[in-house]
Amino acid sequence: MNIDESIAGESAEELYESAPCGYLSTLPDGRIVRVNQTFLKWTGYSRDRLTAARFVDLLNVPGRIFHETHYAPLLEMQGFAHEIAFDVVCADGRILPVLVNTSQTRDGSGTPTLRRTTVFNATERRRYERELLEARRRAEKSTSDLRLLNDTLAERVEAEVAERVKAEEALRQAQKMEAVGQLTGGIAHDFNNLLTIITGNLELLSRHLPDDASRLRRLAEAAMQGAHRAATLTQRLLAFSRRQPLDPKPVDPNKLVASITDMLRRTLGETVALETVLAGGLWQTRVDGNQLENALVNLAVNARDAMPAGGKLTIETANASLDDAYVAGVPEPVPAGQYVLLAVSDTGSGMDKPTLERVFEPFFTTKEPGRGTGLGLSQVYGFVRQSGGHVRIYSEVGHGTTVKLYLPRLTGTVDDAGETGRPTMHALARGEGETILVVEDEEELRAFSAEALRELGYRVVEADDARNALRALDEAAQIELLFTDVVLPGGVNGRELADEVVRRSPRTRVLFTTGYTKNAIVHHGRLDPGVHLLGKPFSYAELASKVRTLLDRAK
């Protein structure tokens, strides 16, 4: 090691030890293997006392219970946890309020190896909360005294208190929805990997069955139908949790509604009349057109189910402006400004107030068992919120329901407006001997991708992480396309790998795949410009089409 490297190592160690926050490294069973000087100074423990102790043993009794029943299972499921409040019992018996952020690393086989925890001193924050609570108590006492002096003032104070209670309830609801969203997003990510393996191998199996194996083919088709239903459910979970990768483009809502009218009429059936009222001079919006179609179809299906004896469904478009007074009265944060409104109204049975209060919760449904997942409206809500919009629902028992989708107005130049609908696919487009580097740490998933690409006529080089991928790149004569998962082991993610591959081989095209959006190629729920993504689970035909399209563009 040279002098510069030694100095850099000492500087990094000094920064770690004297950082303004505490740092802990623990094994999967919670035993502490490393702790910095800041945390030792806060708590009064010696380094020897904490080494090999468990983090949970430093907490007070309520903290231990929460750790075992909520925190540890959440961390095991999704691999991270943020902004979790605990009370640490110090060496002298003092209670130290802290906020912790923890991330869990895994090895190439997926086995947890290490947990890294950042600890923030929340003493001042806790003191501020106590002072705020005391101020509220004093205000309530003052309100009681003033009630004796001025009845009119008392009414205004009561109204203010009621508004605060309403805001606090809205905050609790938002926190609950966010927690459920984190859990469902983590579950959906793991399911997407599994479903890609299942559906991919079912497709390969079906393609190799002999023509006279009709019974086996029927069994394979039944399994595939079940897998597709699971994939749809997974997509809805990601939509609700606002973690689906969106590819927004300028959209003319009038054209989009007109393009799906025939499909909606077939979906609604003969007993439901469909009417569209499309505004002239309608603004445009920037959204994922395919997901907006899905949202409208979901709303239409819900409306149809609310009109078992028939009725009327109306889809309206309009320009709308949300002012400061309006946005101040809604529970979730919504910027004031100009929006494009799509309203879907039915003449069905309607909903009462308790149902309306829960209508966007995942898995909540008023339908009979087996007739719905309870994810239709929550998917619509998640998509619109992820797109920067706002959803309101109005309903009255016996008089129908109206759902209003507010999507932000598109400002600036519009070059590709009106591009809606699903892209056409090259039907099982064949390869021309090009070489594709497949990088995927899930062995079964990598095996399916490689086998499918070989069947399509490509040469395939496989790697399970970035280091082996770069070695394969150096050894290969030419790699025409890199097909890589975004989340990779070894400390280098798919985006960083792609940047290095393109630096070494500028003509190599890049296709990403992922089952989750909280990563290096999706920010604020939207794909980075110029990024090509094949979301999991993907089919044989989708893989064939996407790969062929990218390679043809390179010619």
Protein backbone atom coordinates (compact mmCIF):
# COMPACT_ATOMS: atom_id res chain seq x y z
CA MET A 1 0.00 0.00 0.00
CA ASN A 2 1.48 3.43 -0.98
CA ILE A 3 1.40 6.54 1.21
CA ASP A 4 -1.63 8.06 -0.53
CA GLU A 5 -3.66 4.86 -0.08
CA SER A 6 -2.67 4.70 3.59
CA ILE A 7 -3.75 8.32 4.18
CA ALA A 8 -7.04 7.72 2.36
CA GLY A 9 -7.70 4.64 4.51
CA GLU A 10 -6.96 6.55 7.71
CA SER A 11 -9.23 9.42 6.59
CA ALA A 12 -12.10 7.08 5.84
CA GLU A 13 -11.69 5.39 9.21
CA GLU A 14 -11.60 8.76 10.98
CA LEU A 15 -14.78 9.87 9.19
CA TYR A 16 -16.50 6.61 10.17
CA GLU A 17 -15.52 6.89 13.83
CA SER A 18 -16.30 10.62 14.28
CA ALA A 19 -19.39 10.88 12.05
CA PRO A 20 -22.32 12.94 13.46
CA CYS A 21 -24.43 9.78 13.49
CA GLY A 22 -23.92 6.32 14.90
CA TYR A 23 -22.98 3.37 12.72
CA LEU A 24 -23.56 -0.31 13.57
CA SER A 25 -22.81 -3.42 11.55
CA THR A 26 -24.61 -6.58 12.68
CA LEU A 27 -24.89 -10.17 11.56
CA PRO A 28 -28.32 -11.48 10.43
CA ASP A 29 -28.99 -12.72 13.99
CA GLY A 30 -28.51 -9.16 15.32
CA ARG A 31 -25.05 -9.61 16.90
CA ILE A 32 -22.98 -6.40 16.63
CA VAL A 33 -19.64 -6.84 14.84
CA ARG A 34 -18.67 -3.19 14.40
CA VAL A 35 -19.67 0.11 16.04
CA ASN A 36 -18.30 3.63 15.66
CA GLN A 37 -17.06 5.97 18.39
CA THR A 38 -20.05 8.33 18.04
CA PHE A 39 -22.52 5.64 19.13
CA LEU A 40 -20.22 4.61 22.00
CA LYS A 41 -20.02 8.22 23.19
CA TRP A 42 -23.82 8.62 23.07
CA THR A 43 -24.55 5.46 25.03
CA GLY A 44 -21.56 5.25 27.38
CA TYR A 45 -20.80 1.63 26.44
CA SER A 46 -17.32 0.36 25.73
CA ARG A 47 -16.50 -1.20 22.40
CA ASP A 48 -15.79 -4.54 24.07
CA ARG A 49 -19.17 -4.44 25.85
CA LEU A 50 -21.08 -3.99 22.57
CA THR A 51 -19.10 -6.32 20.32
CA ALA A 52 -21.05 -9.58 19.99
CA ALA A 53 -24.02 -8.09 21.88
CA ARG A 54 -27.33 -7.85 20.04
CA PHE A 55 -28.84 -4.54 18.98
CA VAL A 56 -32.26 -5.61 20.30
CA ASP A 57 -30.72 -6.07 23.77
CA LEU A 58 -29.95 -2.34 23.91
CA LEU A 59 -33.64 -1.39 23.59
CA ASN A 60 -36.25 -0.85 26.27
CA VAL A 61 -39.05 -3.40 26.66
CA PRO A 62 -41.54 -1.80 24.21
CA GLY A 63 -38.73 -1.42 21.70
CA ARG A 64 -37.79 -5.09 21.99
CA ILE A 65 -41.38 -6.15 21.39
CA PHE A 66 -41.70 -3.89 18.34
CA HIS A 67 -38.31 -5.10 17.04
CA GLU A 68 -39.31 -8.76 17.15
CA THR A 69 -42.91 -8.42 15.93
CA HIS A 70 -42.59 -5.73 13.24
CA TYR A 71 -39.09 -4.42 12.57
CA ALA A 72 -37.22 -7.72 12.11
CA PRO A 73 -39.94 -9.32 9.87
CA LEU A 74 -40.12 -6.17 7.72
CA LEU A 75 -36.33 -6.10 7.35
CA GLU A 76 -36.24 -9.80 6.46
CA MET A 77 -38.98 -9.37 3.85
CA GLN A 78 -37.83 -6.25 1.97
CA GLY A 79 -34.17 -5.93 2.98
CA PHE A 80 -34.37 -2.39 4.37
CA ALA A 81 -36.24 -0.22 6.87
CA HIS A 82 -36.19 3.56 7.19
CA GLU A 83 -37.00 6.14 9.89
CA ILE A 84 -37.80 3.62 12.66
CA ALA A 85 -37.98 5.11 16.17
CA PHE A 86 -36.50 3.23 19.15
CA ASP A 87 -35.44 4.04 22.73
CA VAL A 88 -31.90 2.83 23.54
CA VAL A 89 -31.05 2.11 27.20
CA CYS A 90 -27.60 3.63 27.83
CA ALA A 91 -24.91 2.24 30.11
CA ASP A 92 -25.96 4.54 32.97
CA GLY A 93 -29.66 3.76 32.55
CA ARG A 94 -30.52 6.89 30.55
CA ILE A 95 -32.98 6.55 27.66
CA LEU A 96 -31.65 7.77 24.31
CA PRO A 97 -34.34 8.35 21.65
CA VAL A 98 -33.02 7.36 18.20
CA LEU A 99 -34.15 6.96 14.59
CA VAL A 100 -32.56 4.09 12.65
CA ASN A 101 -32.15 3.25 8.98
CA THR A 102 -31.09 -0.33 8.23
CA SER A 103 -30.17 -2.13 5.00
CA GLN A 104 -29.42 -5.83 4.65
CA THR A 105 -26.91 -7.25 2.16
CA ARG A 106 -27.11 -10.73 0.68
CA ASP A 107 -24.59 -13.00 -0.99
CA GLY A 108 -24.90 -14.47 -4.47
CA SER A 109 -27.27 -17.20 -3.26
CA GLY A 110 -29.60 -14.69 -1.62
CA THR A 111 -28.55 -15.52 1.95
CA PRO A 112 -28.43 -12.49 4.32
CA THR A 113 -24.82 -11.65 5.23
CA LEU A 114 -24.71 -8.28 7.01
CA ARG A 115 -26.99 -5.53 8.25
CA ARG A 116 -25.78 -1.93 8.25
CA THR A 117 -27.60 0.46 10.56
CA THR A 118 -27.34 4.25 10.71
CA VAL A 119 -28.47 5.72 14.05
CA PHE A 120 -29.62 9.34 14.45
CA ASN A 121 -29.91 11.05 17.84
CA ALA A 122 -33.61 12.02 18.12
CA THR A 123 -33.36 13.73 21.53
CA GLU A 124 -34.12 17.19 20.18
CA ARG A 125 -36.90 15.90 17.97
CA ARG A 126 -38.51 14.10 20.92
CA ARG A 127 -38.21 17.25 23.05
CA TYR A 128 -39.88 19.28 20.31
CA GLU A 129 -42.74 16.76 20.13
CA ARG A 130 -43.23 16.98 23.92
CA GLU A 131 -43.26 20.76 23.77
CA LEU A 132 -45.75 20.65 20.91
CA LEU A 133 -48.00 18.31 22.90
CA GLU A 134 -47.79 20.53 25.96
CA ALA A 135 -48.61 23.57 23.84
CA ARG A 136 -51.64 21.77 22.48
CA ARG A 137 -52.78 20.92 26.02
CA ARG A 138 -52.40 24.56 27.06
CA ALA A 139 -54.34 25.65 23.99
CA GLU A 140 -57.14 23.23 24.86
CA LYS A 141 -57.24 24.60 28.42
CA SER A 142 -57.36 28.14 27.10
CA THR A 143 -60.17 27.14 24.79
CA SER A 144 -62.13 25.83 27.74
CA ASP A 145 -61.64 29.13 29.62
CA LEU A 146 -62.57 31.24 26.62
CA ARG A 147 -65.77 29.24 26.07
CA LEU A 148 -67.15 30.85 29.23
CA LEU A 149 -66.49 34.31 27.80
CA ASN A 150 -67.41 34.07 24.15
CA ASP A 151 -69.70 31.43 22.61
CA THR A 152 -68.90 32.54 19.06
CA LEU A 153 -65.19 32.22 19.61
CA ALA A 154 -65.77 28.79 21.13
CA GLU A 155 -67.47 27.56 17.98
CA ARG A 156 -64.53 28.68 15.86
CA VAL A 157 -62.09 26.97 18.20
CA GLU A 158 -64.12 23.74 18.09
CA ALA A 159 -64.06 23.89 14.32
CA GLU A 160 -60.27 24.31 14.37
CA VAL A 161 -59.83 21.38 16.74
CA ALA A 162 -62.07 19.23 14.53
CA GLU A 163 -59.97 20.21 11.52
CA ARG A 164 -56.81 19.19 13.37
CA VAL A 165 -58.33 15.86 14.30
CA LYS A 166 -59.30 15.32 10.67
CA ALA A 167 -55.77 16.18 9.52
CA GLU A 168 -54.22 13.84 12.08
CA GLU A 169 -56.54 11.03 10.99
CA ALA A 170 -55.58 11.69 7.37
CA LEU A 171 -51.90 11.54 8.35
CA ARG A 172 -52.40 8.22 10.16
CA GLN A 173 -54.22 6.86 7.10
CA ALA A 174 -51.43 8.03 4.79
CA GLN A 175 -48.80 6.40 7.03
CA LYS A 176 -50.79 3.15 7.06
CA MET A 177 -51.09 3.18 3.26
CA GLU A 178 -47.35 3.87 2.92
CA ALA A 179 -46.48 0.98 5.25
CA VAL A 180 -48.73 -1.40 3.34
CA GLY A 181 -47.22 -0.08 0.12
CA GLN A 182 -43.69 -0.90 1.27
CA LEU A 183 -44.71 -4.44 2.20
CA THR A 184 -46.65 -5.09 -1.00
CA GLY A 185 -43.86 -3.64 -3.11
CA GLY A 186 -41.32 -5.99 -1.54
CA ILE A 187 -43.60 -9.00 -1.98
CA ALA A 188 -44.32 -8.09 -5.61
CA HIS A 189 -40.59 -7.83 -6.37
CA ASP A 190 -39.89 -11.39 -5.20
CA PHE A 191 -43.00 -12.72 -6.94
CA ASN A 192 -41.95 -11.18 -10.26
CA ASN A 193 -38.68 -13.11 -10.22
CA LEU A 194 -40.48 -16.37 -9.40
CA LEU A 195 -43.21 -15.78 -11.98
CA THR A 196 -40.68 -15.14 -14.74
CA ILE A 197 -39.08 -18.51 -13.99
CA ILE A 198 -42.48 -20.25 -13.90
CA THR A 199 -44.01 -18.68 -17.01
CA GLY A 200 -40.77 -18.83 -18.98
CA ASN A 201 -40.20 -22.51 -18.40
CA LEU A 202 -43.88 -23.29 -19.08
CA GLU A 203 -43.50 -21.57 -22.44
CA LEU A 204 -40.34 -23.48 -23.25
CA LEU A 205 -42.03 -26.73 -22.17
CA SER A 206 -45.07 -26.04 -24.36
CA ARG A 207 -42.89 -25.29 -27.38
CA HIS A 208 -41.16 -28.65 -27.09
CA LEU A 209 -44.24 -30.82 -26.50
CA PRO A 210 -45.06 -33.17 -29.39
CA ASP A 211 -48.15 -32.36 -31.46
CA ASP A 212 -50.04 -35.40 -30.14
CA ALA A 213 -49.53 -34.46 -26.44
CA SER A 214 -52.87 -32.66 -26.20
CA ARG A 215 -53.46 -33.58 -22.54
CA LEU A 216 -50.04 -32.32 -21.48
CA ARG A 217 -50.56 -29.17 -23.52
CA ARG A 218 -53.87 -28.50 -21.76
CA LEU A 219 -52.21 -28.93 -18.38
CA ALA A 220 -49.43 -26.53 -19.37
CA GLU A 221 -51.98 -23.99 -20.61
CA ALA A 222 -53.95 -24.23 -17.34
CA ALA A 223 -50.75 -23.63 -15.35
CA MET A 224 -49.89 -20.68 -17.59
CA GLN A 225 -53.33 -19.13 -17.04
CA GLY A 226 -52.82 -19.35 -13.29
CA ALA A 227 -49.38 -17.76 -13.62
CA HIS A 228 -50.80 -14.93 -15.72
CA ARG A 229 -53.43 -14.26 -13.06
CA ALA A 230 -50.68 -14.13 -10.45
CA ALA A 231 -48.70 -11.74 -12.68
CA THR A 232 -51.73 -9.46 -12.97
CA LEU A 233 -52.14 -9.47 -9.20
CA THR A 234 -48.45 -8.65 -8.78
CA GLN A 235 -48.73 -5.76 -11.22
CA ARG A 236 -51.65 -4.39 -9.23
CA LEU A 237 -49.63 -4.64 -6.02
CA LEU A 238 -46.82 -2.64 -7.59
CA ALA A 239 -49.32 -0.10 -8.94
CA PHE A 240 -50.86 0.39 -5.50
CA SER A 241 -47.45 0.73 -3.83
CA ARG A 242 -46.41 3.19 -6.58
CA ARG A 243 -43.41 1.08 -7.52
CA GLN A 244 -44.30 0.04 -11.05
CA PRO A 245 -41.93 1.41 -13.73
CA LEU A 246 -43.85 4.03 -15.72
CA ASP A 247 -42.86 5.15 -19.21
CA PRO A 248 -44.71 8.49 -19.51
CA LYS A 249 -45.24 10.16 -22.87
CA PRO A 250 -47.42 13.04 -24.04
CA VAL A 251 -50.99 11.76 -24.30
CA ASP A 252 -54.15 13.27 -25.78
CA PRO A 253 -56.83 11.90 -23.39
CA ASN A 254 -59.59 12.37 -25.97
CA LYS A 255 -57.77 10.18 -28.49
CA LEU A 256 -57.00 7.59 -25.83
CA VAL A 257 -60.64 7.36 -24.70
CA ALA A 258 -61.83 7.14 -28.31
CA SER A 259 -59.33 4.37 -29.07
CA ILE A 260 -60.63 2.08 -26.28
CA THR A 261 -64.35 2.78 -26.68
CA ASP A 262 -65.05 -0.41 -28.66
CA MET A 263 -63.13 -2.53 -26.16
CA LEU A 264 -65.05 -0.95 -23.27
CA ARG A 265 -68.41 -1.65 -24.95
CA ARG A 266 -67.49 -5.33 -25.29
CA THR A 267 -66.35 -5.38 -21.65
CA LEU A 268 -69.53 -3.73 -20.34
CA GLY A 269 -71.96 -5.96 -22.25
CA GLU A 270 -75.28 -5.17 -23.87
CA THR A 271 -77.10 -4.09 -20.69
CA VAL A 272 -74.82 -1.12 -19.99
CA ALA A 273 -74.91 1.92 -22.28
CA LEU A 274 -71.58 3.73 -22.77
CA GLU A 275 -71.44 7.46 -23.47
CA THR A 276 -68.34 9.61 -23.95
CA VAL A 277 -68.36 13.38 -23.50
CA LEU A 278 -65.04 14.67 -24.84
CA ALA A 279 -64.18 18.32 -24.28
CA GLY A 280 -63.00 20.55 -27.10
CA GLY A 281 -59.62 22.24 -26.68
CA LEU A 282 -58.58 19.64 -24.12
CA TRP A 283 -55.08 19.99 -22.71
CA GLN A 284 -52.62 17.15 -22.97
CA THR A 285 -50.89 15.29 -20.16
CA ARG A 286 -47.72 13.23 -19.80
CA VAL A 287 -48.51 9.74 -18.47
CA ASP A 288 -47.96 6.09 -19.27
CA GLY A 289 -50.71 5.57 -21.85
CA ASN A 290 -50.97 1.82 -21.28
CA GLN A 291 -51.43 2.27 -17.54
CA LEU A 292 -54.06 4.98 -18.10
CA GLU A 293 -55.95 2.53 -20.32
CA ASN A 294 -55.75 -0.08 -17.55
CA ALA A 295 -57.09 2.44 -15.02
CA LEU A 296 -60.10 3.30 -17.22
CA VAL A 297 -60.83 -0.39 -17.82
CA ASN A 298 -60.66 -1.08 -14.07
CA LEU A 299 -63.14 1.72 -13.39
CA ALA A 300 -65.44 0.48 -16.16
CA VAL A 301 -65.42 -3.08 -14.77
CA ASN A 302 -66.21 -1.80 -11.26
CA ALA A 303 -69.06 0.28 -12.67
CA ARG A 304 -70.46 -2.70 -14.58
CA ASP A 305 -70.44 -4.83 -11.42
CA ALA A 306 -72.33 -2.06 -9.60
CA MET A 307 -75.08 -2.22 -12.27
CA PRO A 308 -76.11 -5.92 -12.37
CA ALA A 309 -79.48 -5.01 -13.93
CA GLY A 310 -77.91 -2.63 -16.46
CA GLY A 311 -77.45 1.11 -16.53
CA LYS A 312 -75.34 3.86 -18.05
CA LEU A 313 -71.60 4.56 -17.90
CA THR A 314 -70.31 7.99 -18.87
CA ILE A 315 -66.67 8.98 -19.48
CA GLU A 316 -66.06 12.73 -19.57
CA THR A 317 -62.93 14.79 -20.20
CA ALA A 318 -62.37 18.42 -19.25
CA ASN A 319 -59.75 21.00 -18.34
CA ALA A 320 -59.61 21.71 -14.62
CA SER A 321 -57.78 24.02 -12.22
CA LEU A 322 -57.21 23.12 -8.56
CA ASP A 323 -56.76 26.22 -6.40
CA ASP A 324 -55.11 26.58 -3.00
CA ALA A 325 -58.42 26.34 -1.17
CA TYR A 326 -59.23 23.01 -2.82
CA VAL A 327 -55.84 21.34 -2.27
CA ALA A 328 -55.83 22.45 1.39
CA GLY A 329 -58.94 20.34 1.96
CA VAL A 330 -57.64 17.02 0.61
CA PRO A 331 -55.71 14.57 2.82
CA GLU A 332 -52.79 13.81 0.48
CA PRO A 333 -50.36 16.50 -0.79
CA VAL A 334 -51.59 17.84 -4.15
CA PRO A 335 -49.99 20.86 -5.89
CA ALA A 336 -52.35 23.60 -6.97
CA GLY A 337 -52.40 24.16 -10.72
CA GLN A 338 -53.88 23.04 -14.03
CA TYR A 339 -54.98 19.45 -14.60
CA VAL A 340 -56.68 17.28 -17.21
CA LEU A 341 -59.81 15.67 -15.77
CA LEU A 342 -61.16 12.25 -16.71
CA ALA A 343 -64.42 11.42 -14.93
CA VAL A 344 -66.05 7.97 -14.98
CA SER A 345 -69.68 7.95 -13.75
CA ASP A 346 -72.22 5.13 -13.40
CA THR A 347 -75.87 4.82 -12.41
CA GLY A 348 -75.24 1.85 -10.13
CA SER A 349 -75.93 1.03 -6.50
CA GLY A 350 -73.47 3.57 -5.05
CA MET A 351 -71.59 3.37 -1.75
CA ASP A 352 -72.18 4.54 1.79
CA LYS A 353 -69.74 6.71 3.76
CA PRO A 354 -67.91 3.87 5.62
CA THR A 355 -67.28 2.13 2.30
CA LEU A 356 -66.03 5.34 0.67
CA GLU A 357 -63.52 5.84 3.49
CA ARG A 358 -61.89 2.46 2.69
CA VAL A 359 -62.46 2.25 -1.04
CA PHE A 360 -58.78 2.77 -2.02
CA GLU A 361 -57.38 0.33 0.56
CA PRO A 362 -55.74 -2.75 -0.99
CA PHE A 363 -57.75 -5.99 -0.80
CA PHE A 364 -60.87 -4.15 0.37
CA THR A 365 -63.89 -5.20 -1.67
CA THR A 366 -67.65 -5.32 -1.30
CA LYS A 367 -67.94 -8.09 -3.88
CA GLU A 368 -68.70 -11.69 -3.08
CA PRO A 369 -65.73 -14.00 -2.38
CA GLY A 370 -64.07 -15.08 -5.60
CA ARG A 371 -65.39 -12.13 -7.64
CA GLY A 372 -62.64 -9.63 -7.02
CA THR A 373 -59.20 -9.08 -5.46
CA GLY A 374 -59.97 -5.67 -4.01
CA LEU A 375 -57.02 -4.18 -5.92
CA GLY A 376 -58.82 -2.47 -8.83
CA LEU A 377 -59.39 0.94 -7.26
CA SER A 378 -56.17 0.82 -5.24
CA GLN A 379 -54.29 0.21 -8.50
CA VAL A 380 -55.97 3.25 -10.07
CA TYR A 381 -55.13 5.33 -7.01
CA GLY A 382 -51.48 4.23 -6.98
CA PHE A 383 -51.00 4.89 -10.72
CA VAL A 384 -52.54 8.38 -10.63
CA ARG A 385 -50.58 9.40 -7.51
CA GLN A 386 -47.33 8.05 -8.99
CA SER A 387 -48.07 10.13 -12.12
CA GLY A 388 -48.31 13.30 -10.03
CA GLY A 389 -52.10 13.41 -10.13
CA HIS A 390 -55.07 13.27 -7.78
CA VAL A 391 -58.15 11.03 -7.39
CA ARG A 392 -61.53 11.94 -5.92
CA ILE A 393 -64.58 9.69 -5.64
CA TYR A 394 -68.18 10.75 -5.08
CA SER A 395 -70.98 8.29 -4.40
CA GLU A 396 -74.46 8.05 -2.93
CA VAL A 397 -76.37 4.88 -2.16
CA GLY A 398 -78.90 4.24 -4.92
CA HIS A 399 -77.64 7.09 -7.11
CA GLY A 400 -74.35 5.83 -8.57
CA THR A 401 -70.68 6.74 -8.34
CA THR A 402 -68.29 9.18 -10.04
CA VAL A 403 -64.51 8.73 -9.97
CA LYS A 404 -62.48 11.76 -11.06
CA LEU A 405 -58.87 11.42 -12.20
CA TYR A 406 -56.86 14.66 -12.25
CA LEU A 407 -53.64 14.36 -14.28
CA PRO A 408 -51.11 17.25 -14.50
CA ARG A 409 -51.36 19.38 -17.62
CA LEU A 410 -48.47 18.98 -20.07
CA THR A 411 -46.72 22.27 -20.70
CA GLY A 412 -44.08 23.05 -23.31
CA THR A 413 -43.63 21.65 -26.79
CA VAL A 414 -45.29 18.39 -27.72
CA ASP A 415 -43.59 16.33 -30.41
CA ASP A 416 -44.94 12.85 -29.78
CA ALA A 417 -48.36 13.67 -28.30
CA GLY A 418 -51.06 11.20 -28.94
CA GLU A 419 -48.80 8.16 -28.88
CA THR A 420 -50.95 5.74 -26.99
CA GLY A 421 -51.70 2.06 -27.18
CA ARG A 422 -49.40 -0.89 -26.78
CA PRO A 423 -46.31 -1.29 -28.96
CA THR A 424 -46.45 -3.84 -31.71
CA MET A 425 -44.24 -6.88 -31.18
CA HIS A 426 -42.09 -8.83 -33.62
CA ALA A 427 -43.90 -12.16 -33.44
CA LEU A 428 -41.14 -14.47 -32.20
CA ALA A 429 -38.54 -12.42 -34.09
CA ARG A 430 -35.49 -14.57 -34.78
CA GLY A 431 -31.88 -13.76 -34.14
CA GLU A 432 -29.18 -13.52 -36.76
CA GLY A 433 -26.34 -15.03 -34.78
CA GLU A 434 -25.70 -11.92 -32.67
CA THR A 435 -24.02 -12.41 -29.30
CA ILE A 436 -25.96 -11.43 -26.17
CA LEU A 437 -24.45 -11.14 -22.69
CA VAL A 438 -27.05 -12.22 -20.09
CA VAL A 439 -26.31 -11.04 -16.52
CA GLU A 440 -28.66 -12.37 -13.81
CA ASP A 441 -27.85 -13.64 -10.32
CA GLU A 442 -31.00 -15.86 -10.11
CA GLU A 443 -29.72 -19.09 -11.64
CA GLU A 444 -33.11 -20.42 -12.79
CA LEU A 445 -34.07 -17.09 -14.31
CA ARG A 446 -30.73 -16.78 -16.08
CA ALA A 447 -31.12 -20.31 -17.43
CA PHE A 448 -34.56 -19.51 -18.91
CA SER A 449 -33.38 -16.27 -20.54
CA ALA A 450 -30.30 -17.94 -22.02
CA GLU A 451 -32.24 -20.96 -23.31
CA ALA A 452 -34.94 -18.78 -24.89
CA LEU A 453 -32.38 -16.56 -26.63
CA ARG A 454 -30.47 -19.57 -27.94
CA GLU A 455 -33.71 -21.00 -29.34
CA LEU A 456 -34.28 -17.67 -31.07
CA GLY A 457 -30.94 -17.96 -32.88
CA TYR A 458 -28.61 -15.87 -30.73
CA ARG A 459 -25.24 -16.75 -29.26
CA VAL A 460 -25.41 -16.33 -25.48
CA VAL A 461 -22.74 -15.59 -22.88
CA GLU A 462 -23.85 -15.88 -19.24
CA ALA A 463 -22.66 -14.14 -16.06
CA ASP A 464 -24.01 -13.98 -12.50
CA ASP A 465 -22.56 -10.59 -11.49
CA ALA A 466 -20.87 -7.50 -12.92
CA ARG A 467 -17.30 -8.73 -12.36
CA ASN A 468 -17.84 -11.92 -14.36
CA ALA A 469 -19.80 -9.98 -16.99
CA LEU A 470 -16.87 -7.62 -17.64
CA ARG A 471 -14.49 -10.59 -17.83
CA ALA A 472 -16.79 -12.22 -20.43
CA LEU A 473 -16.94 -8.93 -22.36
CA ASP A 474 -13.14 -8.79 -22.57
CA GLU A 475 -12.95 -12.41 -23.74
CA ALA A 476 -15.69 -12.15 -26.38
CA ALA A 477 -14.99 -10.96 -29.91
CA GLN A 478 -18.14 -8.83 -30.00
CA ILE A 479 -21.16 -8.39 -27.72
CA GLU A 480 -24.09 -6.86 -29.60
CA LEU A 481 -26.45 -6.59 -26.61
CA LEU A 482 -26.22 -6.60 -22.82
CA PHE A 483 -29.34 -8.02 -21.11
CA THR A 484 -28.92 -7.39 -17.39
CA ASP A 485 -30.92 -7.34 -14.19
CA VAL A 486 -30.71 -3.99 -12.38
CA VAL A 487 -30.18 -5.44 -8.89
CA LEU A 488 -26.93 -7.45 -8.87
CA PRO A 489 -24.73 -8.80 -6.07
CA GLY A 490 -21.15 -7.75 -5.50
CA GLY A 491 -21.58 -4.01 -5.03
CA VAL A 492 -22.02 -3.06 -8.72
CA ASN A 493 -25.60 -2.69 -9.97
CA GLY A 494 -26.88 -3.18 -13.50
CA ARG A 495 -26.78 0.51 -14.39
CA GLU A 496 -23.15 0.84 -13.34
CA LEU A 497 -22.31 -2.33 -15.27
CA ALA A 498 -24.06 -0.99 -18.38
CA ASP A 499 -22.14 2.30 -18.20
CA GLU A 500 -18.84 0.42 -18.08
CA VAL A 501 -19.84 -1.97 -20.90
CA VAL A 502 -20.82 0.94 -23.16
CA ARG A 503 -17.57 2.73 -22.30
CA ARG A 504 -15.56 -0.31 -23.39
CA SER A 505 -17.83 -1.25 -26.29
CA PRO A 506 -19.82 1.80 -27.50
CA ARG A 507 -21.79 -0.20 -30.11
CA THR A 508 -23.27 -2.58 -27.53
CA ARG A 509 -26.98 -2.02 -26.89
CA VAL A 510 -28.38 -2.35 -23.34
CA LEU A 511 -31.66 -3.91 -22.20
CA PHE A 512 -32.49 -3.86 -18.48
CA THR A 513 -34.89 -6.13 -16.61
CA THR A 514 -36.25 -5.77 -13.10
CA GLY A 515 -39.19 -6.72 -10.95
CA TYR A 516 -39.03 -3.54 -8.87
CA THR A 517 -38.59 0.18 -9.51
CA LYS A 518 -36.67 1.45 -6.50
CA ASN A 519 -33.29 1.13 -8.17
CA ALA A 520 -30.76 2.77 -10.45
CA ILE A 521 -32.78 3.22 -13.67
CA VAL A 522 -36.12 4.45 -12.27
CA HIS A 523 -36.43 7.72 -10.39
CA HIS A 524 -39.66 9.18 -9.05
CA GLY A 525 -41.42 6.14 -10.52
CA ARG A 526 -40.33 6.94 -14.08
CA LEU A 527 -37.74 5.40 -16.39
CA ASP A 528 -34.62 7.47 -16.97
CA PRO A 529 -34.43 8.94 -20.52
CA GLY A 530 -32.99 6.53 -23.08
CA VAL A 531 -33.38 3.47 -20.86
CA HIS A 532 -34.90 0.30 -22.33
CA LEU A 533 -36.62 -1.96 -19.80
CA LEU A 534 -38.27 -5.38 -20.00
CA GLY A 535 -40.21 -5.70 -16.76
CA LYS A 536 -40.53 -8.98 -14.91
CA PRO A 537 -42.32 -11.26 -15.39
CA PHE A 538 -41.68 -11.32 -19.15
CA SER A 539 -42.70 -13.90 -21.73
CA TYR A 540 -40.77 -15.66 -24.47
CA ALA A 541 -42.48 -13.50 -27.11
CA GLU A 542 -41.86 -10.24 -25.21
CA LEU A 543 -38.18 -11.10 -24.82
CA ALA A 544 -37.93 -11.95 -28.53
CA SER A 545 -39.61 -8.68 -29.56
CA LYS A 546 -37.67 -6.38 -27.25
CA VAL A 547 -34.28 -7.85 -28.13
CA ARG A 548 -34.95 -7.79 -31.87
CA THR A 549 -36.23 -4.20 -31.74
CA LEU A 550 -33.09 -2.96 -29.97
CA LEU A 551 -30.74 -4.83 -32.29
CA ASP A 552 -32.54 -3.55 -35.39
CA ARG A 553 -32.20 0.03 -34.13
CA ALA A 554 -28.45 -0.45 -33.88
CA LYS A 555 -28.13 -1.26 -37.60
